[in-house]
Amino acid sequence: MQLDIGTLLFTEALLSFVAGALLVVAWWYYRGTSAALLWGLSNFLTGVAIILVVLRPTLGPNAILVTIALIQLSAGLIWAAVRQFDNRPAYPLVTFAALFIWSIACAFPVVVESGVLHTVIGSSMVSAYLLVSAWEIWRDGDERLFARWPIIVLLTIHGLLFCGSVIDVALIGGQPNDDPSFGSLFSLIHFEHFLFTAGTAIFLTAMVKERNELVHKTAAKLDSLTGLANRGAFLADGELVLEQFRRKGGNVAVLVFDIDHFK
């Protein structure tokens, strides 16, 4: 059964714009990080790229070259968003690396004219960004943010599917420009895109909210001058320790130091 590619792409573009708007609103509300803004811009670029695919018969064959460039930049922004969220520098050279490479590749006619090379080069670089982004989030898993793990799963699946498209086109001989049939790899990528776009927007917003709440909870337990646990934190932690010893048995002691002129 053939899928209605026009309807499918229109729905994908609409979802990308809605998800992008959601993340921009999340960034506006939680100003602690620009990760939501960068990921939202990534979704907007993806939506524009999908519209270019729909308008390709009108715009001409070179529209696909711009589409691939936008998708690569979109993936680079996702990597930058992940780096920003974990308070690591998002180097512009890395963010725009795939775009630079694609621009150079487009100078060669063999690349411009080959649909296979379009898929192999474009999907390979997008896959690399997505899988590295998943690893970046995973390596900071010590911070207790529940929404971190669904995003890792979604990024990994999305990246592996782009790897699968490279294998399908380069090794198996699939045709990247055919209308996808139900059950084909390309139709799977289209449907997975719905899950990825909606899921990452929801869970990234949740992760930003979790981070914001964690920062406020931590600040409420610390003395603003010394950075040490305040009286409320001492009493709360003390209750937990006492409860633990009530259940397990044993002895517990408290040492008190009265330091004059400490502050």
C-alpha atoms as a PDB file:
ATOM      1  CA  MET A   1       0.000   0.000   0.000  1.00  0.00           C
ATOM      2  CA  GLN A   2       1.421   3.394  -1.048  1.00  0.00           C
ATOM      3  CA  LEU A   3       1.355   6.274   1.426  1.00  0.00           C
ATOM      4  CA  ASP A   4       0.118   9.765   0.557  1.00  0.00           C
ATOM      5  CA  ILE A   5       3.527  11.418   0.718  1.00  0.00           C
ATOM      6  CA  GLY A   6       2.112  14.958   0.398  1.00  0.00           C
ATOM      7  CA  THR A   7      -0.165  14.595   3.421  1.00  0.00           C
ATOM      8  CA  LEU A   8       2.582  12.856   5.378  1.00  0.00           C
ATOM      9  CA  LEU A   9       5.100  15.629   4.749  1.00  0.00           C
ATOM     10  CA  PHE A  10       2.597  18.407   5.463  1.00  0.00           C
ATOM     11  CA  THR A  11       1.777  16.817   8.825  1.00  0.00           C
ATOM     12  CA  GLU A  12       5.474  16.432   9.644  1.00  0.00           C
ATOM     13  CA  ALA A  13       6.139  20.090   8.849  1.00  0.00           C
ATOM     14  CA  LEU A  14       3.188  21.234  10.962  1.00  0.00           C
ATOM     15  CA  LEU A  15       4.321  19.112  13.891  1.00  0.00           C
ATOM     16  CA  SER A  16       7.869  20.490  13.598  1.00  0.00           C
ATOM     17  CA  PHE A  17       6.595  24.071  13.785  1.00  0.00           C
ATOM     18  CA  VAL A  18       4.323  23.310  16.752  1.00  0.00           C
ATOM     19  CA  ALA A  19       7.141  21.533  18.604  1.00  0.00           C
ATOM     20  CA  GLY A  20       9.486  24.425  17.861  1.00  0.00           C
ATOM     21  CA  ALA A  21       6.969  26.927  19.216  1.00  0.00           C
ATOM     22  CA  LEU A  22       6.536  24.831  22.390  1.00  0.00           C
ATOM     23  CA  LEU A  23      10.285  24.839  23.017  1.00  0.00           C
ATOM     24  CA  VAL A  24      10.603  28.584  22.410  1.00  0.00           C
ATOM     25  CA  VAL A  25       7.842  29.153  24.988  1.00  0.00           C
ATOM     26  CA  ALA A  26       9.684  26.827  27.391  1.00  0.00           C
ATOM     27  CA  TRP A  27      12.874  28.828  26.854  1.00  0.00           C
ATOM     28  CA  TRP A  28      10.997  32.076  27.504  1.00  0.00           C
ATOM     29  CA  TYR A  29       9.552  30.705  30.740  1.00  0.00           C
ATOM     30  CA  TYR A  30      12.722  28.986  32.017  1.00  0.00           C
ATOM     31  CA  ARG A  31      15.550  31.382  31.178  1.00  0.00           C
ATOM     32  CA  GLY A  32      18.283  29.323  32.849  1.00  0.00           C
ATOM     33  CA  THR A  33      19.474  27.715  29.606  1.00  0.00           C
ATOM     34  CA  SER A  34      19.291  28.371  25.866  1.00  0.00           C
ATOM     35  CA  ALA A  35      18.944  24.634  25.123  1.00  0.00           C
ATOM     36  CA  ALA A  36      15.187  24.855  24.533  1.00  0.00           C
ATOM     37  CA  LEU A  37      15.630  27.835  22.191  1.00  0.00           C
ATOM     38  CA  LEU A  38      18.306  26.080  20.111  1.00  0.00           C
ATOM     39  CA  TRP A  39      16.263  22.869  19.882  1.00  0.00           C
ATOM     40  CA  GLY A  40      13.191  24.914  18.962  1.00  0.00           C
ATOM     41  CA  LEU A  41      15.131  26.598  16.137  1.00  0.00           C
ATOM     42  CA  SER A  42      16.194  23.117  15.023  1.00  0.00           C
ATOM     43  CA  ASN A  43      12.539  22.107  14.730  1.00  0.00           C
ATOM     44  CA  PHE A  44      11.717  25.245  12.732  1.00  0.00           C
ATOM     45  CA  LEU A  45      14.543  24.491  10.294  1.00  0.00           C
ATOM     46  CA  THR A  46      13.271  20.934   9.920  1.00  0.00           C
ATOM     47  CA  GLY A  47       9.787  22.243   9.171  1.00  0.00           C
ATOM     48  CA  VAL A  48      11.160  24.569   6.473  1.00  0.00           C
ATOM     49  CA  ALA A  49      13.196  21.706   4.996  1.00  0.00           C
ATOM     50  CA  ILE A  50      10.094  19.519   4.763  1.00  0.00           C
ATOM     51  CA  ILE A  51       8.166  22.312   3.027  1.00  0.00           C
ATOM     52  CA  LEU A  52      10.990  22.584   0.471  1.00  0.00           C
ATOM     53  CA  VAL A  53      10.583  18.860  -0.217  1.00  0.00           C
ATOM     54  CA  VAL A  54       6.874  19.401  -0.871  1.00  0.00           C
ATOM     55  CA  LEU A  55       7.606  22.359  -3.175  1.00  0.00           C
ATOM     56  CA  ARG A  56      10.467  20.630  -4.979  1.00  0.00           C
ATOM     57  CA  PRO A  57       8.535  20.164  -8.260  1.00  0.00           C
ATOM     58  CA  THR A  58       7.973  23.933  -8.331  1.00  0.00           C
ATOM     59  CA  LEU A  59      11.366  25.080  -7.041  1.00  0.00           C
ATOM     60  CA  GLY A  60      13.448  22.732  -9.176  1.00  0.00           C
ATOM     61  CA  PRO A  61      15.910  19.903  -8.444  1.00  0.00           C
ATOM     62  CA  ASN A  62      18.382  22.103  -6.541  1.00  0.00           C
ATOM     63  CA  ALA A  63      15.826  22.559  -3.756  1.00  0.00           C
ATOM     64  CA  ILE A  64      16.904  19.177  -2.386  1.00  0.00           C
ATOM     65  CA  LEU A  65      20.417  20.540  -1.832  1.00  0.00           C
ATOM     66  CA  VAL A  66      19.041  23.337   0.365  1.00  0.00           C
ATOM     67  CA  THR A  67      16.794  20.833   2.144  1.00  0.00           C
ATOM     68  CA  ILE A  68      19.743  18.630   3.086  1.00  0.00           C
ATOM     69  CA  ALA A  69      21.698  21.674   4.271  1.00  0.00           C
ATOM     70  CA  LEU A  70      18.824  22.725   6.546  1.00  0.00           C
ATOM     71  CA  ILE A  71      18.471  19.221   8.010  1.00  0.00           C
ATOM     72  CA  GLN A  72      22.198  19.097   8.742  1.00  0.00           C
ATOM     73  CA  LEU A  73      22.092  22.502  10.418  1.00  0.00           C
ATOM     74  CA  SER A  74      19.057  21.322  12.385  1.00  0.00           C
ATOM     75  CA  ALA A  75      21.029  18.329  13.686  1.00  0.00           C
ATOM     76  CA  GLY A  76      23.957  20.600  14.558  1.00  0.00           C
ATOM     77  CA  LEU A  77      21.655  22.811  16.620  1.00  0.00           C
ATOM     78  CA  ILE A  78      20.416  19.766  18.526  1.00  0.00           C
ATOM     79  CA  TRP A  79      24.025  18.970  19.449  1.00  0.00           C
ATOM     80  CA  ALA A  80      24.550  22.598  20.502  1.00  0.00           C
ATOM     81  CA  ALA A  81      21.365  22.498  22.601  1.00  0.00           C
ATOM     82  CA  VAL A  82      22.543  19.390  24.438  1.00  0.00           C
ATOM     83  CA  ARG A  83      25.927  20.978  25.137  1.00  0.00           C
ATOM     84  CA  GLN A  84      24.285  24.166  26.399  1.00  0.00           C
ATOM     85  CA  PHE A  85      21.952  22.250  28.689  1.00  0.00           C
ATOM     86  CA  ASP A  86      24.866  20.498  30.377  1.00  0.00           C
ATOM     87  CA  ASN A  87      26.796  23.777  30.678  1.00  0.00           C
ATOM     88  CA  ARG A  88      29.457  22.852  28.148  1.00  0.00           C
ATOM     89  CA  PRO A  89      30.563  25.095  25.284  1.00  0.00           C
ATOM     90  CA  ALA A  90      28.761  24.560  21.976  1.00  0.00           C
ATOM     91  CA  TYR A  91      31.534  25.317  19.514  1.00  0.00           C
ATOM     92  CA  PRO A  92      30.187  27.029  16.364  1.00  0.00           C
ATOM     93  CA  LEU A  93      32.781  25.207  14.251  1.00  0.00           C
ATOM     94  CA  VAL A  94      31.262  21.867  15.295  1.00  0.00           C
ATOM     95  CA  THR A  95      27.674  23.108  15.098  1.00  0.00           C
ATOM     96  CA  PHE A  96      28.120  24.215  11.471  1.00  0.00           C
ATOM     97  CA  ALA A  97      30.652  21.541  10.447  1.00  0.00           C
ATOM     98  CA  ALA A  98      28.182  19.399   8.468  1.00  0.00           C
ATOM     99  CA  LEU A  99      26.855  22.483   6.692  1.00  0.00           C
ATOM    100  CA  PHE A 100      30.397  23.457   5.660  1.00  0.00           C
ATOM    101  CA  ILE A 101      31.167  19.940   4.439  1.00  0.00           C
ATOM    102  CA  TRP A 102      27.915  19.767   2.474  1.00  0.00           C
ATOM    103  CA  SER A 103      28.606  23.163   0.881  1.00  0.00           C
ATOM    104  CA  ILE A 104      32.000  21.922  -0.293  1.00  0.00           C
ATOM    105  CA  ALA A 105      30.518  18.634  -1.547  1.00  0.00           C
ATOM    106  CA  CYS A 106      27.941  20.531  -3.608  1.00  0.00           C
ATOM    107  CA  ALA A 107      30.794  22.056  -5.629  1.00  0.00           C
ATOM    108  CA  PHE A 108      31.222  18.664  -7.322  1.00  0.00           C
ATOM    109  CA  PRO A 109      28.670  17.804 -10.047  1.00  0.00           C
ATOM    110  CA  VAL A 110      28.745  14.112  -9.189  1.00  0.00           C
ATOM    111  CA  VAL A 111      27.336  14.926  -5.734  1.00  0.00           C
ATOM    112  CA  VAL A 112      24.730  17.375  -7.046  1.00  0.00           C
ATOM    113  CA  GLU A 113      23.394  14.868  -9.578  1.00  0.00           C
ATOM    114  CA  SER A 114      23.398  11.733  -7.405  1.00  0.00           C
ATOM    115  CA  GLY A 115      20.411  10.986  -5.185  1.00  0.00           C
ATOM    116  CA  VAL A 116      22.380   8.171  -3.589  1.00  0.00           C
ATOM    117  CA  LEU A 117      25.191  10.529  -2.542  1.00  0.00           C
ATOM    118  CA  HIS A 118      22.603  12.966  -1.228  1.00  0.00           C
ATOM    119  CA  THR A 119      21.331  10.297   1.164  1.00  0.00           C
ATOM    120  CA  VAL A 120      24.722   8.838   2.071  1.00  0.00           C
ATOM    121  CA  ILE A 121      26.448  12.149   2.834  1.00  0.00           C
ATOM    122  CA  GLY A 122      23.456  13.888   4.389  1.00  0.00           C
ATOM    123  CA  SER A 123      22.202  11.012   6.518  1.00  0.00           C
ATOM    124  CA  SER A 124      25.694  10.061   7.716  1.00  0.00           C
ATOM    125  CA  MET A 125      26.374  13.505   9.160  1.00  0.00           C
ATOM    126  CA  VAL A 126      22.919  13.846  10.680  1.00  0.00           C
ATOM    127  CA  SER A 127      23.268  10.420  12.271  1.00  0.00           C
ATOM    128  CA  ALA A 128      26.643  11.392  13.742  1.00  0.00           C
ATOM    129  CA  TYR A 129      25.192  14.540  15.352  1.00  0.00           C
ATOM    130  CA  LEU A 130      22.243  12.649  16.829  1.00  0.00           C
ATOM    131  CA  LEU A 131      24.256   9.756  18.262  1.00  0.00           C
ATOM    132  CA  VAL A 132      26.876  12.095  19.723  1.00  0.00           C
ATOM    133  CA  SER A 133      24.066  14.181  21.253  1.00  0.00           C
ATOM    134  CA  ALA A 134      22.634  11.047  22.903  1.00  0.00           C
ATOM    135  CA  TRP A 135      26.080  10.261  24.311  1.00  0.00           C
ATOM    136  CA  GLU A 136      26.494  13.846  25.578  1.00  0.00           C
ATOM    137  CA  ILE A 137      23.255  13.583  27.570  1.00  0.00           C
ATOM    138  CA  TRP A 138      24.092  10.087  28.835  1.00  0.00           C
ATOM    139  CA  ARG A 139      27.518  10.998  30.202  1.00  0.00           C
ATOM    140  CA  ASP A 140      25.956  13.562  32.553  1.00  0.00           C
ATOM    141  CA  GLY A 141      23.457  11.070  33.930  1.00  0.00           C
ATOM    142  CA  ASP A 142      24.544  11.695  37.536  1.00  0.00           C
ATOM    143  CA  GLU A 143      22.091  14.579  37.701  1.00  0.00           C
ATOM    144  CA  ARG A 144      18.728  13.112  38.692  1.00  0.00           C
ATOM    145  CA  LEU A 145      16.550  14.195  35.803  1.00  0.00           C
ATOM    146  CA  PHE A 146      13.992  11.565  34.795  1.00  0.00           C
ATOM    147  CA  ALA A 147      13.282  13.130  31.386  1.00  0.00           C
ATOM    148  CA  ARG A 148      16.937  12.718  30.384  1.00  0.00           C
ATOM    149  CA  TRP A 149      16.553   9.004  29.605  1.00  0.00           C
ATOM    150  CA  PRO A 150      13.609   9.162  27.145  1.00  0.00           C
ATOM    151  CA  ILE A 151      15.512  11.821  25.185  1.00  0.00           C
ATOM    152  CA  ILE A 152      18.573   9.557  25.025  1.00  0.00           C
ATOM    153  CA  VAL A 153      16.422   6.726  23.660  1.00  0.00           C
ATOM    154  CA  LEU A 154      14.711   8.968  21.085  1.00  0.00           C
ATOM    155  CA  LEU A 155      18.009  10.459  19.876  1.00  0.00           C
ATOM    156  CA  THR A 156      19.601   7.020  19.581  1.00  0.00           C
ATOM    157  CA  ILE A 157      16.712   5.528  17.614  1.00  0.00           C
ATOM    158  CA  HIS A 158      16.552   8.573  15.340  1.00  0.00           C
ATOM    159  CA  GLY A 159      20.297   8.409  14.688  1.00  0.00           C
ATOM    160  CA  LEU A 160      20.249   4.668  14.000  1.00  0.00           C
ATOM    161  CA  LEU A 161      17.410   5.065  11.513  1.00  0.00           C
ATOM    162  CA  PHE A 162      19.471   7.587   9.566  1.00  0.00           C
ATOM    163  CA  CYS A 163      22.283   5.016   9.602  1.00  0.00           C
ATOM    164  CA  GLY A 164      19.793   2.489   8.274  1.00  0.00           C
ATOM    165  CA  SER A 165      18.857   4.777   5.383  1.00  0.00           C
ATOM    166  CA  VAL A 166      22.540   5.001   4.413  1.00  0.00           C
ATOM    167  CA  ILE A 167      22.840   1.207   4.435  1.00  0.00           C
ATOM    168  CA  ASP A 168      19.582   0.801   2.502  1.00  0.00           C
ATOM    169  CA  VAL A 169      20.626   3.209  -0.257  1.00  0.00           C
ATOM    170  CA  ALA A 170      24.369   2.558  -0.469  1.00  0.00           C
ATOM    171  CA  LEU A 171      24.510  -1.203   0.057  1.00  0.00           C
ATOM    172  CA  ILE A 172      21.055  -2.646  -0.602  1.00  0.00           C
ATOM    173  CA  GLY A 173      20.114  -0.367  -3.476  1.00  0.00           C
ATOM    174  CA  GLY A 174      17.016   1.384  -2.139  1.00  0.00           C
ATOM    175  CA  GLN A 175      15.738   4.410  -4.025  1.00  0.00           C
ATOM    176  CA  PRO A 176      15.672   7.518  -1.809  1.00  0.00           C
ATOM    177  CA  ASN A 177      13.315   9.441  -4.105  1.00  0.00           C
ATOM    178  CA  ASP A 178      10.575   6.815  -4.381  1.00  0.00           C
ATOM    179  CA  ASP A 179       7.244   7.363  -2.642  1.00  0.00           C
ATOM    180  CA  PRO A 180       7.459   5.213   0.487  1.00  0.00           C
ATOM    181  CA  SER A 181       5.252   2.154   0.764  1.00  0.00           C
ATOM    182  CA  PHE A 182       3.778   1.135   4.091  1.00  0.00           C
ATOM    183  CA  GLY A 183       6.362  -0.947   5.967  1.00  0.00           C
ATOM    184  CA  SER A 184       9.414   0.307   4.032  1.00  0.00           C
ATOM    185  CA  LEU A 185      12.428   1.819   5.793  1.00  0.00           C
ATOM    186  CA  PHE A 186      11.646   5.288   4.510  1.00  0.00           C
ATOM    187  CA  SER A 187       8.043   5.097   5.735  1.00  0.00           C
ATOM    188  CA  LEU A 188       9.418   3.955   9.119  1.00  0.00           C
ATOM    189  CA  ILE A 189      11.669   7.024   9.207  1.00  0.00           C
ATOM    190  CA  HIS A 190       8.703   9.273   8.432  1.00  0.00           C
ATOM    191  CA  PHE A 191       6.547   7.810  11.193  1.00  0.00           C
ATOM    192  CA  GLU A 192       9.438   7.756  13.647  1.00  0.00           C
ATOM    193  CA  HIS A 193       9.891  11.457  12.938  1.00  0.00           C
ATOM    194  CA  PHE A 194       6.473  12.111  14.486  1.00  0.00           C
ATOM    195  CA  LEU A 195       7.499  10.299  17.655  1.00  0.00           C
ATOM    196  CA  PHE A 196      10.919  11.957  17.770  1.00  0.00           C
ATOM    197  CA  THR A 197       9.656  15.502  17.223  1.00  0.00           C
ATOM    198  CA  ALA A 198       6.782  15.315  19.692  1.00  0.00           C
ATOM    199  CA  GLY A 199       8.683  13.229  22.244  1.00  0.00           C
ATOM    200  CA  THR A 200      11.821  15.371  22.359  1.00  0.00           C
ATOM    201  CA  ALA A 201       9.788  18.588  22.644  1.00  0.00           C
ATOM    202  CA  ILE A 202       7.774  17.194  25.561  1.00  0.00           C
ATOM    203  CA  PHE A 203      10.676  15.587  27.402  1.00  0.00           C
ATOM    204  CA  LEU A 204      13.092  18.483  26.859  1.00  0.00           C
ATOM    205  CA  THR A 205      10.507  20.851  28.311  1.00  0.00           C
ATOM    206  CA  ALA A 206      10.092  18.453  31.237  1.00  0.00           C
ATOM    207  CA  MET A 207      13.874  18.210  31.670  1.00  0.00           C
ATOM    208  CA  VAL A 208      14.255  21.994  31.730  1.00  0.00           C
ATOM    209  CA  LYS A 209      11.439  22.179  34.305  1.00  0.00           C
ATOM    210  CA  GLU A 210      13.091  19.452  36.405  1.00  0.00           C
ATOM    211  CA  ARG A 211      16.414  21.303  36.296  1.00  0.00           C
ATOM    212  CA  ASN A 212      14.738  24.551  37.341  1.00  0.00           C
ATOM    213  CA  GLU A 213      12.975  22.893  40.272  1.00  0.00           C
ATOM    214  CA  LEU A 214      16.164  21.122  41.331  1.00  0.00           C
ATOM    215  CA  VAL A 215      18.089  24.411  41.337  1.00  0.00           C
ATOM    216  CA  HIS A 216      15.444  26.061  43.542  1.00  0.00           C
ATOM    217  CA  LYS A 217      15.303  23.083  45.921  1.00  0.00           C
ATOM    218  CA  THR A 218      19.074  23.080  46.257  1.00  0.00           C
ATOM    219  CA  ALA A 219      19.182  26.854  46.822  1.00  0.00           C
ATOM    220  CA  ALA A 220      16.542  26.547  49.556  1.00  0.00           C
ATOM    221  CA  LYS A 221      18.800  24.158  51.476  1.00  0.00           C
ATOM    222  CA  LEU A 222      21.979  26.238  51.323  1.00  0.00           C
ATOM    223  CA  ASP A 223      23.160  29.295  53.213  1.00  0.00           C
ATOM    224  CA  SER A 224      23.618  32.061  50.635  1.00  0.00           C
ATOM    225  CA  LEU A 225      26.811  33.396  52.272  1.00  0.00           C
ATOM    226  CA  THR A 226      28.759  30.213  53.017  1.00  0.00           C
ATOM    227  CA  GLY A 227      27.238  27.709  50.600  1.00  0.00           C
ATOM    228  CA  LEU A 228      26.815  25.250  53.477  1.00  0.00           C
ATOM    229  CA  ALA A 229      23.626  23.425  54.433  1.00  0.00           C
ATOM    230  CA  ASN A 230      21.277  25.695  56.372  1.00  0.00           C
ATOM    231  CA  ARG A 231      19.162  24.916  59.439  1.00  0.00           C
ATOM    232  CA  GLY A 232      16.251  23.563  57.377  1.00  0.00           C
ATOM    233  CA  ALA A 233      18.519  21.188  55.457  1.00  0.00           C
ATOM    234  CA  PHE A 234      20.145  20.050  58.712  1.00  0.00           C
ATOM    235  CA  LEU A 235      16.792  19.202  60.282  1.00  0.00           C
ATOM    236  CA  ALA A 236      15.509  17.444  57.153  1.00  0.00           C
ATOM    237  CA  ASP A 237      18.669  15.366  56.705  1.00  0.00           C
ATOM    238  CA  GLY A 238      18.736  14.669  60.426  1.00  0.00           C
ATOM    239  CA  GLU A 239      15.217  13.250  60.299  1.00  0.00           C
ATOM    240  CA  LEU A 240      16.254  10.916  57.459  1.00  0.00           C
ATOM    241  CA  VAL A 241      19.303   9.702  59.398  1.00  0.00           C
ATOM    242  CA  LEU A 242      17.277   9.102  62.558  1.00  0.00           C
ATOM    243  CA  GLU A 243      14.599   7.227  60.604  1.00  0.00           C
ATOM    244  CA  GLN A 244      17.266   5.042  59.010  1.00  0.00           C
ATOM    245  CA  PHE A 245      18.743   4.122  62.391  1.00  0.00           C
ATOM    246  CA  ARG A 246      15.294   3.462  63.850  1.00  0.00           C
ATOM    247  CA  ARG A 247      14.699   0.856  61.132  1.00  0.00           C
ATOM    248  CA  LYS A 248      18.154  -0.745  61.136  1.00  0.00           C
ATOM    249  CA  GLY A 249      19.141  -0.215  64.773  1.00  0.00           C
ATOM    250  CA  GLY A 250      22.489   1.064  66.012  1.00  0.00           C
ATOM    251  CA  ASN A 251      23.762   4.307  67.480  1.00  0.00           C
ATOM    252  CA  VAL A 252      24.019   7.795  66.069  1.00  0.00           C
ATOM    253  CA  ALA A 253      25.870  10.845  67.417  1.00  0.00           C
ATOM    254  CA  VAL A 254      25.865  14.578  66.623  1.00  0.00           C
ATOM    255  CA  LEU A 255      28.923  16.834  66.929  1.00  0.00           C
ATOM    256  CA  VAL A 256      28.191  20.531  67.454  1.00  0.00           C
ATOM    257  CA  PHE A 257      30.776  23.282  66.859  1.00  0.00           C
ATOM    258  CA  ASP A 258      30.072  26.840  67.989  1.00  0.00           C
ATOM    259  CA  ILE A 259      32.436  29.062  65.999  1.00  0.00           C
ATOM    260  CA  ASP A 260      32.458  32.713  67.044  1.00  0.00           C
ATOM    261  CA  HIS A 261      32.573  35.433  64.382  1.00  0.00           C
ATOM    262  CA  PHE A 262      32.272  32.835  61.576  1.00  0.00           C
ATOM    263  CA  LYS A 263      30.289  35.152  59.303  1.00  0.00           C
END
